[in-house]
């Protein structure tokens, strides 16, 4: 389901390039897939791979990455 959402709704494909690699976050797509799974009996009966959904990032994940110098903003980024 996550791949379907990302492939068919481009605004849900949260990604950015970093040092020549594309990094996918997909927070919104993961939240949508999770919400759909829990509100729909039909989806609950037909989805068998919800255990493969990743956790949802929030503001603390990028902050922690910055603290460990894993994530850095470009000089063009305005905070």
PDB file of N, CA and C in Angstrom:
ATOM      1  N   UNK A   1       0.823  -1.179   0.000  1.00  0.00           N
ATOM      2  CA  UNK A   1       0.000   0.000   0.000  1.00  0.00           C
ATOM      3  C   UNK A   1       0.875   1.254   0.000  1.00  0.00           C
ATOM      4  N   UNK A   2       1.944   1.237   0.785  1.00  0.00           N
ATOM      5  CA  UNK A   2       2.837   2.395   0.861  1.00  0.00           C
ATOM      6  C   UNK A   2       3.393   2.724  -0.524  1.00  0.00           C
ATOM      7  N   UNK A   3       3.846   1.732  -1.248  1.00  0.00           N
ATOM      8  CA  UNK A   3       4.383   1.946  -2.595  1.00  0.00           C
ATOM      9  C   UNK A   3       3.300   2.494  -3.520  1.00  0.00           C
ATOM     10  N   UNK A   4       2.089   1.989  -3.419  1.00  0.00           N
ATOM     11  CA  UNK A   4       0.992   2.480  -4.252  1.00  0.00           C
ATOM     12  C   UNK A   4       0.738   3.966  -3.980  1.00  0.00           C
ATOM     13  N   UNK A   5       0.688   4.346  -2.725  1.00  0.00           N
ATOM     14  CA  UNK A   5       0.450   5.749  -2.367  1.00  0.00           C
ATOM     15  C   UNK A   5       1.555   6.627  -2.936  1.00  0.00           C
ATOM     16  N   UNK A   6       2.797   6.230  -2.755  1.00  0.00           N
ATOM     17  CA  UNK A   6       3.934   7.020  -3.239  1.00  0.00           C
ATOM     18  C   UNK A   6       3.933   7.096  -4.769  1.00  0.00           C
ATOM     19  N   UNK A   7       3.652   5.970  -5.428  1.00  0.00           N
ATOM     20  CA  UNK A   7       3.674   5.939  -6.894  1.00  0.00           C
ATOM     21  C   UNK A   7       2.543   6.740  -7.526  1.00  0.00           C
ATOM     22  N   UNK A   8       1.380   6.783  -6.867  1.00  0.00           N
ATOM     23  CA  UNK A   8       0.206   7.403  -7.473  1.00  0.00           C
ATOM     24  C   UNK A   8      -0.130   8.789  -6.929  1.00  0.00           C
ATOM     25  N   UNK A   9       0.462   9.170  -5.840  1.00  0.00           N
ATOM     26  CA  UNK A   9       0.228  10.493  -5.250  1.00  0.00           C
ATOM     27  C   UNK A   9       1.594  11.107  -4.967  1.00  0.00           C
ATOM     28  N   UNK A  10       2.131  11.792  -5.956  1.00  0.00           N
ATOM     29  CA  UNK A  10       3.510  12.286  -5.883  1.00  0.00           C
ATOM     30  C   UNK A  10       3.749  13.225  -4.699  1.00  0.00           C
ATOM     31  N   UNK A  11       2.716  13.898  -4.217  1.00  0.00           N
ATOM     32  CA  UNK A  11       2.923  14.798  -3.076  1.00  0.00           C
ATOM     33  C   UNK A  11       3.246  14.023  -1.798  1.00  0.00           C
ATOM     34  N   UNK A  12       3.030  12.714  -1.805  1.00  0.00           N
ATOM     35  CA  UNK A  12       3.350  11.884  -0.643  1.00  0.00           C
ATOM     36  C   UNK A  12       4.761  11.301  -0.716  1.00  0.00           C
ATOM     37  N   UNK A  13       5.459  11.527  -1.819  1.00  0.00           N
ATOM     38  CA  UNK A  13       6.801  10.969  -1.984  1.00  0.00           C
ATOM     39  C   UNK A  13       7.830  11.935  -1.385  1.00  0.00           C
ATOM     40  N   UNK A  14       7.990  11.871  -0.058  1.00  0.00           N
ATOM     41  CA  UNK A  14       8.909  12.756   0.657  1.00  0.00           C
ATOM     42  C   UNK A  14      10.338  12.258   0.474  1.00  0.00           C
ATOM     43  N   UNK A  15      11.096  12.978  -0.334  1.00  0.00           N
ATOM     44  CA  UNK A  15      12.475  12.559  -0.596  1.00  0.00           C
ATOM     45  C   UNK A  15      13.326  13.787  -0.844  1.00  0.00           C
ATOM     46  N   UNK A  16      14.620  13.585  -0.711  1.00  0.00           N
ATOM     47  CA  UNK A  16      15.572  14.640  -0.997  1.00  0.00           C
ATOM     48  C   UNK A  16      16.910  13.994  -1.348  1.00  0.00           C
ATOM     49  N   UNK A  17      17.729  14.731  -2.056  1.00  0.00           N
ATOM     50  CA  UNK A  17      19.051  14.228  -2.421  1.00  0.00           C
ATOM     51  C   UNK A  17      20.074  14.643  -1.382  1.00  0.00           C
ATOM     52  N   UNK A  18      20.959  13.716  -1.047  1.00  0.00           N
ATOM     53  CA  UNK A  18      22.023  13.979  -0.086  1.00  0.00           C
ATOM     54  C   UNK A  18      23.276  13.255  -0.537  1.00  0.00           C
ATOM     55  N   UNK A  19      24.305  14.013  -0.824  1.00  0.00           N
ATOM     56  CA  UNK A  19      25.592  13.463  -1.253  1.00  0.00           C
ATOM     57  C   UNK A  19      25.430  12.444  -2.381  1.00  0.00           C
ATOM     58  N   UNK A  20      24.609  12.810  -3.356  1.00  0.00           N
ATOM     59  CA  UNK A  20      24.431  11.963  -4.532  1.00  0.00           C
ATOM     60  C   UNK A  20      23.470  10.803  -4.359  1.00  0.00           C
ATOM     61  N   UNK A  21      22.846  10.672  -3.201  1.00  0.00           N
ATOM     62  CA  UNK A  21      21.881   9.599  -2.974  1.00  0.00           C
ATOM     63  C   UNK A  21      20.524  10.204  -2.673  1.00  0.00           C
ATOM     64  N   UNK A  22      19.481   9.514  -3.085  1.00  0.00           N
ATOM     65  CA  UNK A  22      18.128   9.955  -2.777  1.00  0.00           C
ATOM     66  C   UNK A  22      17.692   9.318  -1.459  1.00  0.00           C
ATOM     67  N   UNK A  23      17.302  10.170  -0.523  1.00  0.00           N
ATOM     68  CA  UNK A  23      16.849   9.715   0.789  1.00  0.00           C
ATOM     69  C   UNK A  23      15.329   9.853   0.837  1.00  0.00           C
ATOM     70  N   UNK A  24      14.639   8.753   1.153  1.00  0.00           N
ATOM     71  CA  UNK A  24      13.172   8.747   1.229  1.00  0.00           C
ATOM     72  C   UNK A  24      12.744   8.770   2.697  1.00  0.00           C
ATOM     73  N   UNK A  25      11.854   9.710   3.011  1.00  0.00           N
ATOM     74  CA  UNK A  25      11.303   9.783   4.365  1.00  0.00           C
ATOM     75  C   UNK A  25       9.886   9.218   4.387  1.00  0.00           C
ATOM     76  N   UNK A  26       9.055   9.656   3.463  1.00  0.00           N
ATOM     77  CA  UNK A  26       7.692   9.129   3.275  1.00  0.00           C
ATOM     78  C   UNK A  26       6.852   9.123   4.537  1.00  0.00           C
ATOM     79  N   UNK A  27       7.012  10.132   5.361  1.00  0.00           N
ATOM     80  CA  UNK A  27       6.246  10.232   6.604  1.00  0.00           C
ATOM     81  C   UNK A  27       4.746  10.295   6.329  1.00  0.00           C
ATOM     82  N   UNK A  28       4.335  11.162   5.428  1.00  0.00           N
ATOM     83  CA  UNK A  28       2.910  11.336   5.158  1.00  0.00           C
ATOM     84  C   UNK A  28       2.304  10.070   4.551  1.00  0.00           C
ATOM     85  N   UNK A  29       3.031   9.427   3.656  1.00  0.00           N
ATOM     86  CA  UNK A  29       2.524   8.199   3.040  1.00  0.00           C
ATOM     87  C   UNK A  29       2.391   7.085   4.076  1.00  0.00           C
ATOM     88  N   UNK A  30       3.354   6.985   4.978  1.00  0.00           N
ATOM     89  CA  UNK A  30       3.297   5.971   6.032  1.00  0.00           C
ATOM     90  C   UNK A  30       2.124   6.235   6.966  1.00  0.00           C
ATOM     91  N   UNK A  31       1.921   7.486   7.328  1.00  0.00           N
ATOM     92  CA  UNK A  31       0.785   7.829   8.188  1.00  0.00           C
ATOM     93  C   UNK A  31      -0.539   7.511   7.507  1.00  0.00           C
ATOM     94  N   UNK A  32      -0.644   7.823   6.208  1.00  0.00           N
ATOM     95  CA  UNK A  32      -1.881   7.527   5.481  1.00  0.00           C
ATOM     96  C   UNK A  32      -2.132   6.025   5.422  1.00  0.00           C
ATOM     97  N   UNK A  33      -1.117   5.251   5.078  1.00  0.00           N
ATOM     98  CA  UNK A  33      -1.281   3.790   5.015  1.00  0.00           C
ATOM     99  C   UNK A  33      -1.692   3.240   6.376  1.00  0.00           C
ATOM    100  N   UNK A  34      -1.066   3.735   7.422  1.00  0.00           N
ATOM    101  CA  UNK A  34      -1.405   3.293   8.773  1.00  0.00           C
ATOM    102  C   UNK A  34      -2.845   3.662   9.126  1.00  0.00           C
ATOM    103  N   UNK A  35      -3.252   4.878   8.828  1.00  0.00           N
ATOM    104  CA  UNK A  35      -4.625   5.306   9.111  1.00  0.00           C
ATOM    105  C   UNK A  35      -5.644   4.493   8.335  1.00  0.00           C
ATOM    106  N   UNK A  36      -5.370   4.271   7.058  1.00  0.00           N
ATOM    107  CA  UNK A  36      -6.292   3.477   6.249  1.00  0.00           C
ATOM    108  C   UNK A  36      -6.422   2.059   6.783  1.00  0.00           C
ATOM    109  N   UNK A  37      -5.329   1.497   7.207  1.00  0.00           N
ATOM    110  CA  UNK A  37      -5.352   0.137   7.748  1.00  0.00           C
ATOM    111  C   UNK A  37      -6.244   0.032   8.983  1.00  0.00           C
ATOM    112  N   UNK A  38      -6.133   0.999   9.866  1.00  0.00           N
ATOM    113  CA  UNK A  38      -6.861   0.906  11.121  1.00  0.00           C
ATOM    114  C   UNK A  38      -8.316   1.352  11.040  1.00  0.00           C
ATOM    115  N   UNK A  39      -8.717   2.091  10.013  1.00  0.00           N
ATOM    116  CA  UNK A  39     -10.109   2.536   9.946  1.00  0.00           C
ATOM    117  C   UNK A  39     -10.961   1.691   9.023  1.00  0.00           C
ATOM    118  N   UNK A  40     -10.401   0.837   8.243  1.00  0.00           N
ATOM    119  CA  UNK A  40     -11.188   0.106   7.257  1.00  0.00           C
ATOM    120  C   UNK A  40     -11.136  -1.398   7.487  1.00  0.00           C
ATOM    121  N   UNK A  41     -12.277  -1.986   7.735  1.00  0.00           N
ATOM    122  CA  UNK A  41     -12.365  -3.442   7.890  1.00  0.00           C
ATOM    123  C   UNK A  41     -11.970  -4.139   6.593  1.00  0.00           C
ATOM    124  N   UNK A  42     -12.322  -3.563   5.470  1.00  0.00           N
ATOM    125  CA  UNK A  42     -11.978  -4.163   4.177  1.00  0.00           C
ATOM    126  C   UNK A  42     -10.474  -4.234   4.010  1.00  0.00           C
ATOM    127  N   UNK A  43      -9.795  -3.144   4.328  1.00  0.00           N
ATOM    128  CA  UNK A  43      -8.344  -3.130   4.184  1.00  0.00           C
ATOM    129  C   UNK A  43      -7.710  -4.088   5.194  1.00  0.00           C
ATOM    130  N   UNK A  44      -8.249  -4.139   6.401  1.00  0.00           N
ATOM    131  CA  UNK A  44      -7.688  -5.052   7.408  1.00  0.00           C
ATOM    132  C   UNK A  44      -7.742  -6.493   6.932  1.00  0.00           C
ATOM    133  N   UNK A  45      -8.766  -6.831   6.169  1.00  0.00           N
ATOM    134  CA  UNK A  45      -8.903  -8.214   5.707  1.00  0.00           C
ATOM    135  C   UNK A  45      -8.048  -8.513   4.484  1.00  0.00           C
ATOM    136  N   UNK A  46      -7.592  -7.471   3.765  1.00  0.00           N
ATOM    137  CA  UNK A  46      -6.866  -7.731   2.530  1.00  0.00           C
ATOM    138  C   UNK A  46      -5.390  -7.372   2.591  1.00  0.00           C
ATOM    139  N   UNK A  47      -4.967  -6.596   3.559  1.00  0.00           N
ATOM    140  CA  UNK A  47      -3.553  -6.249   3.686  1.00  0.00           C
ATOM    141  C   UNK A  47      -2.855  -7.258   4.575  1.00  0.00           C
ATOM    142  N   UNK A  48      -1.792  -7.827   4.085  1.00  0.00           N
ATOM    143  CA  UNK A  48      -1.089  -8.793   4.923  1.00  0.00           C
ATOM    144  C   UNK A  48       0.338  -8.357   5.231  1.00  0.00           C
ATOM    145  N   UNK A  49       0.726  -7.153   4.812  1.00  0.00           N
ATOM    146  CA  UNK A  49       2.109  -6.755   5.026  1.00  0.00           C
ATOM    147  C   UNK A  49       2.247  -5.458   5.812  1.00  0.00           C
ATOM    148  N   UNK A  50       1.285  -5.137   6.672  1.00  0.00           N
ATOM    149  CA  UNK A  50       1.392  -3.908   7.460  1.00  0.00           C
ATOM    150  C   UNK A  50       2.540  -3.968   8.457  1.00  0.00           C
ATOM    151  N   UNK A  51       3.033  -5.123   8.764  1.00  0.00           N
ATOM    152  CA  UNK A  51       4.166  -5.217   9.681  1.00  0.00           C
ATOM    153  C   UNK A  51       5.444  -4.658   9.061  1.00  0.00           C
ATOM    154  N   UNK A  52       5.412  -4.406   7.747  1.00  0.00           N
ATOM    155  CA  UNK A  52       6.579  -3.862   7.065  1.00  0.00           C
ATOM    156  C   UNK A  52       6.575  -2.338   7.017  1.00  0.00           C
ATOM    157  N   UNK A  53       5.529  -1.699   7.545  1.00  0.00           N
ATOM    158  CA  UNK A  53       5.504  -0.239   7.568  1.00  0.00           C
ATOM    159  C   UNK A  53       6.569   0.261   8.535  1.00  0.00           C
ATOM    160  N   UNK A  54       7.216   1.319   8.133  1.00  0.00           N
ATOM    161  CA  UNK A  54       8.250   1.888   9.001  1.00  0.00           C
ATOM    162  C   UNK A  54       7.629   2.814  10.030  1.00  0.00           C
ATOM    163  N   UNK A  55       8.392   3.147  11.027  1.00  0.00           N
ATOM    164  CA  UNK A  55       7.940   4.118  12.007  1.00  0.00           C
ATOM    165  C   UNK A  55       7.865   5.492  11.379  1.00  0.00           C
ATOM    166  N   UNK A  56       7.124   6.372  11.992  1.00  0.00           N
ATOM    167  CA  UNK A  56       6.950   7.718  11.449  1.00  0.00           C
ATOM    168  C   UNK A  56       7.942   8.669  12.102  1.00  0.00           C
ATOM    169  N   UNK A  57       8.631   9.383  11.251  1.00  0.00           N
ATOM    170  CA  UNK A  57       9.598  10.350  11.735  1.00  0.00           C
ATOM    171  C   UNK A  57       8.856  11.572  12.276  1.00  0.00           C
ATOM    172  N   UNK A  58       9.464  12.264  13.171  1.00  0.00           N
ATOM    173  CA  UNK A  58       8.927  13.535  13.627  1.00  0.00           C
ATOM    174  C   UNK A  58      10.083  14.506  13.783  1.00  0.00           C
ATOM    175  N   UNK A  59       9.844  15.636  14.369  1.00  0.00           N
ATOM    176  CA  UNK A  59      10.889  16.657  14.456  1.00  0.00           C
ATOM    177  C   UNK A  59      12.115  16.178  15.231  1.00  0.00           C
ATOM    178  N   UNK A  60      11.950  15.224  16.134  1.00  0.00           N
ATOM    179  CA  UNK A  60      13.086  14.814  16.968  1.00  0.00           C
ATOM    180  C   UNK A  60      14.102  13.963  16.203  1.00  0.00           C
ATOM    181  N   UNK A  61      13.673  13.271  15.162  1.00  0.00           N
ATOM    182  CA  UNK A  61      14.607  12.457  14.394  1.00  0.00           C
ATOM    183  C   UNK A  61      15.613  13.348  13.649  1.00  0.00           C
ATOM    184  N   UNK A  62      15.150  14.341  12.855  1.00  0.00           N
ATOM    185  CA  UNK A  62      16.143  15.219  12.212  1.00  0.00           C
ATOM    186  C   UNK A  62      17.008  15.974  13.223  1.00  0.00           C
ATOM    187  N   UNK A  63      16.416  16.388  14.332  1.00  0.00           N
ATOM    188  CA  UNK A  63      17.191  17.095  15.358  1.00  0.00           C
ATOM    189  C   UNK A  63      18.305  16.199  15.890  1.00  0.00           C
ATOM    190  N   UNK A  64      17.995  14.949  16.165  1.00  0.00           N
ATOM    191  CA  UNK A  64      18.995  14.001  16.661  1.00  0.00           C
ATOM    192  C   UNK A  64      20.064  13.757  15.603  1.00  0.00           C
ATOM    193  N   UNK A  65      19.648  13.600  14.340  1.00  0.00           N
ATOM    194  CA  UNK A  65      20.618  13.426  13.258  1.00  0.00           C
ATOM    195  C   UNK A  65      21.560  14.618  13.163  1.00  0.00           C
ATOM    196  N   UNK A  66      21.019  15.822  13.319  1.00  0.00           N
ATOM    197  CA  UNK A  66      21.880  17.013  13.287  1.00  0.00           C
ATOM    198  C   UNK A  66      22.861  16.998  14.454  1.00  0.00           C
ATOM    199  N   UNK A  67      22.394  16.590  15.633  1.00  0.00           N
ATOM    200  CA  UNK A  67      23.260  16.542  16.815  1.00  0.00           C
ATOM    201  C   UNK A  67      24.455  15.612  16.613  1.00  0.00           C
ATOM    202  N   UNK A  68      24.258  14.542  15.849  1.00  0.00           N
ATOM    203  CA  UNK A  68      25.327  13.581  15.594  1.00  0.00           C
ATOM    204  C   UNK A  68      26.022  13.817  14.252  1.00  0.00           C
ATOM    205  N   UNK A  69      25.770  14.977  13.647  1.00  0.00           N
ATOM    206  CA  UNK A  69      26.366  15.345  12.365  1.00  0.00           C
ATOM    207  C   UNK A  69      26.057  14.344  11.247  1.00  0.00           C
ATOM    208  N   UNK A  70      24.900  13.725  11.332  1.00  0.00           N
ATOM    209  CA  UNK A  70      24.440  12.825  10.272  1.00  0.00           C
ATOM    210  C   UNK A  70      23.653  13.616   9.238  1.00  0.00           C
ATOM    211  N   UNK A  71      22.959  14.644   9.685  1.00  0.00           N
ATOM    212  CA  UNK A  71      22.135  15.474   8.822  1.00  0.00           C
ATOM    213  C   UNK A  71      22.615  16.905   8.934  1.00  0.00           C
ATOM    214  N   UNK A  72      22.746  17.542   7.787  1.00  0.00           N
ATOM    215  CA  UNK A  72      23.115  18.955   7.812  1.00  0.00           C
ATOM    216  C   UNK A  72      22.301  19.687   6.763  1.00  0.00           C
ATOM    217  N   UNK A  73      21.981  20.935   7.061  1.00  0.00           N
ATOM    218  CA  UNK A  73      21.249  21.755   6.113  1.00  0.00           C
ATOM    219  C   UNK A  73      22.243  22.505   5.242  1.00  0.00           C
ATOM    220  N   UNK A  74      21.859  22.741   4.007  1.00  0.00           N
ATOM    221  CA  UNK A  74      22.729  23.518   3.121  1.00  0.00           C
ATOM    222  C   UNK A  74      22.764  24.966   3.615  1.00  0.00           C
ATOM    223  N   UNK A  75      23.767  25.709   3.191  1.00  0.00           N
ATOM    224  CA  UNK A  75      23.880  27.101   3.598  1.00  0.00           C
ATOM    225  C   UNK A  75      22.745  27.946   3.029  1.00  0.00           C
ATOM    226  N   UNK A  76      22.039  27.451   2.022  1.00  0.00           N
ATOM    227  CA  UNK A  76      20.910  28.165   1.441  1.00  0.00           C
ATOM    228  C   UNK A  76      19.639  28.039   2.277  1.00  0.00           C
ATOM    229  N   UNK A  77      19.621  27.092   3.196  1.00  0.00           N
ATOM    230  CA  UNK A  77      18.425  26.855   4.017  1.00  0.00           C
ATOM    231  C   UNK A  77      18.294  27.933   5.089  1.00  0.00           C
ATOM    232  N   UNK A  78      17.113  28.502   5.191  1.00  0.00           N
ATOM    233  CA  UNK A  78      16.855  29.548   6.179  1.00  0.00           C
ATOM    234  C   UNK A  78      16.009  28.971   7.306  1.00  0.00           C
ATOM    235  N   UNK A  79      16.492  29.057   8.520  1.00  0.00           N
ATOM    236  CA  UNK A  79      15.747  28.567   9.682  1.00  0.00           C
ATOM    237  C   UNK A  79      14.933  29.693  10.273  1.00  0.00           C
TER     238      UNK A  79
END
